Structure formats: structure tokens, C-alpha cells
Amino acid sequence: MTPTENKTVDTEVSEELRLLRKIDKKVDALDEGFETMKKTAAIHGAVGGAISGGIVATAISFAKIKLGL
């Protein structure tokens, strides 16, 4: 390989590595976003479950009172 060909190959490889690193940074940013989204979804799910459980318990109590049980 001549020095010019070797430099071209090095430039292509470094360009590919630069692009791969750029993709890697973007994937890492997405992973961080998913972790935040998972935590938020868990909190919203817990709150929704607590609220719906409270509504059901209130409805059952109300039905018991109405039926005189």
C-alpha cells in the first residue's frame, strides 16, 4: 500500500469510528430517556391503582350501607 492509499484507508476508518461513536452517544441518550420513562410509568401506575382501589372500596361501602349490611 502506498502512503496515499494508507492515509485514505485511515481516513475512512476514522470517519466510520466517528459515526459509530455518534450513534453510540445517541443510543445512550435514548437509554437514559427510557429509564426515566420507566420510573414515571411506575409512579403513574401506582397512583392510578391507589385511586381506582379507593373508588372501588368507597362504592362497596356505599352499597353495603344502602343494603343495610
C-alpha atoms as a PDB file:
ATOM      1  CA  MET A   1       0.000   0.000   0.000  1.00  0.00           C
ATOM      2  CA  THR A   2       1.283   3.431  -0.843  1.00  0.00           C
ATOM      3  CA  PRO A   3       1.273   6.196   1.803  1.00  0.00           C
ATOM      4  CA  THR A   4      -1.609   7.902  -0.025  1.00  0.00           C
ATOM      5  CA  GLU A   5      -3.718   4.724  -0.053  1.00  0.00           C
ATOM      6  CA  ASN A   6      -2.891   4.103   3.608  1.00  0.00           C
ATOM      7  CA  LYS A   7      -3.994   7.642   4.524  1.00  0.00           C
ATOM      8  CA  THR A   8      -7.268   7.151   2.625  1.00  0.00           C
ATOM      9  CA  VAL A   9      -7.966   3.913   4.474  1.00  0.00           C
ATOM     10  CA  ASP A  10      -7.177   5.585   7.821  1.00  0.00           C
ATOM     11  CA  THR A  11      -9.494   8.463   6.971  1.00  0.00           C
ATOM     12  CA  GLU A  12     -12.321   6.087   6.058  1.00  0.00           C
ATOM     13  CA  VAL A  13     -11.836   4.078   9.240  1.00  0.00           C
ATOM     14  CA  SER A  14     -11.696   7.181  11.399  1.00  0.00           C
ATOM     15  CA  GLU A  15     -14.844   8.506   9.696  1.00  0.00           C
ATOM     16  CA  GLU A  16     -16.607   5.217  10.397  1.00  0.00           C
ATOM     17  CA  LEU A  17     -15.441   5.253  14.010  1.00  0.00           C
ATOM     18  CA  ARG A  18     -16.632   8.849  14.384  1.00  0.00           C
ATOM     19  CA  LEU A  19     -20.059   7.900  13.061  1.00  0.00           C
ATOM     20  CA  LEU A  20     -20.229   4.829  15.304  1.00  0.00           C
ATOM     21  CA  ARG A  21     -19.347   6.931  18.343  1.00  0.00           C
ATOM     22  CA  LYS A  22     -22.036   9.429  17.379  1.00  0.00           C
ATOM     23  CA  ILE A  23     -24.589   6.612  17.125  1.00  0.00           C
ATOM     24  CA  ASP A  24     -23.402   5.214  20.465  1.00  0.00           C
ATOM     25  CA  LYS A  25     -23.959   8.582  22.170  1.00  0.00           C
ATOM     26  CA  LYS A  26     -27.470   8.791  20.741  1.00  0.00           C
ATOM     27  CA  VAL A  27     -28.301   5.253  21.887  1.00  0.00           C
ATOM     28  CA  ASP A  28     -27.005   6.068  25.384  1.00  0.00           C
ATOM     29  CA  ALA A  29     -29.218   9.160  25.476  1.00  0.00           C
ATOM     30  CA  LEU A  30     -32.219   7.040  24.461  1.00  0.00           C
ATOM     31  CA  ASP A  31     -31.424   4.511  27.190  1.00  0.00           C
ATOM     32  CA  GLU A  32     -31.377   7.277  29.795  1.00  0.00           C
ATOM     33  CA  GLY A  33     -34.711   8.536  28.494  1.00  0.00           C
ATOM     34  CA  PHE A  34     -36.226   5.052  28.754  1.00  0.00           C
ATOM     35  CA  GLU A  35     -35.061   4.712  32.364  1.00  0.00           C
ATOM     36  CA  THR A  36     -36.756   7.991  33.239  1.00  0.00           C
ATOM     37  CA  MET A  37     -39.883   6.911  31.383  1.00  0.00           C
ATOM     38  CA  LYS A  38     -39.974   3.579  33.255  1.00  0.00           C
ATOM     39  CA  LYS A  39     -39.802   5.349  36.620  1.00  0.00           C
ATOM     40  CA  THR A  40     -42.539   7.786  35.621  1.00  0.00           C
ATOM     41  CA  ALA A  41     -44.743   4.968  34.333  1.00  0.00           C
ATOM     42  CA  ALA A  42     -44.322   3.037  37.594  1.00  0.00           C
ATOM     43  CA  ILE A  43     -45.300   6.081  39.645  1.00  0.00           C
ATOM     44  CA  HIS A  44     -48.326   6.827  37.472  1.00  0.00           C
ATOM     45  CA  GLY A  45     -49.387   3.191  37.603  1.00  0.00           C
ATOM     46  CA  ALA A  46     -49.158   3.122  41.399  1.00  0.00           C
ATOM     47  CA  VAL A  47     -51.156   6.332  41.735  1.00  0.00           C
ATOM     48  CA  GLY A  48     -53.788   5.094  39.286  1.00  0.00           C
ATOM     49  CA  GLY A  49     -54.084   1.808  41.154  1.00  0.00           C
ATOM     50  CA  ALA A  50     -54.454   3.542  44.507  1.00  0.00           C
ATOM     51  CA  ILE A  51     -57.134   5.889  43.187  1.00  0.00           C
ATOM     52  CA  SER A  52     -59.126   3.123  41.491  1.00  0.00           C
ATOM     53  CA  GLY A  53     -58.832   0.948  44.613  1.00  0.00           C
ATOM     54  CA  GLY A  54     -60.163   3.803  46.723  1.00  0.00           C
ATOM     55  CA  ILE A  55     -63.091   4.312  44.371  1.00  0.00           C
ATOM     56  CA  VAL A  56     -63.968   0.607  44.437  1.00  0.00           C
ATOM     57  CA  ALA A  57     -63.710   0.445  48.238  1.00  0.00           C
ATOM     58  CA  THR A  58     -65.958   3.511  48.536  1.00  0.00           C
ATOM     59  CA  ALA A  59     -68.503   2.022  46.146  1.00  0.00           C
ATOM     60  CA  ILE A  60     -68.589  -1.265  48.063  1.00  0.00           C
ATOM     61  CA  SER A  61     -69.019   0.588  51.374  1.00  0.00           C
ATOM     62  CA  PHE A  62     -71.789   2.685  49.876  1.00  0.00           C
ATOM     63  CA  ALA A  63     -73.549  -0.434  48.543  1.00  0.00           C
ATOM     64  CA  LYS A  64     -73.290  -2.098  51.976  1.00  0.00           C
ATOM     65  CA  ILE A  65     -74.807   0.966  53.653  1.00  0.00           C
ATOM     66  CA  LYS A  66     -77.663   1.108  51.132  1.00  0.00           C
ATOM     67  CA  LEU A  67     -78.388  -2.597  51.534  1.00  0.00           C
ATOM     68  CA  GLY A  68     -78.100  -2.400  55.323  1.00  0.00           C
ATOM     69  CA  LEU A  69     -75.320  -4.940  55.630  1.00  0.00           C
END
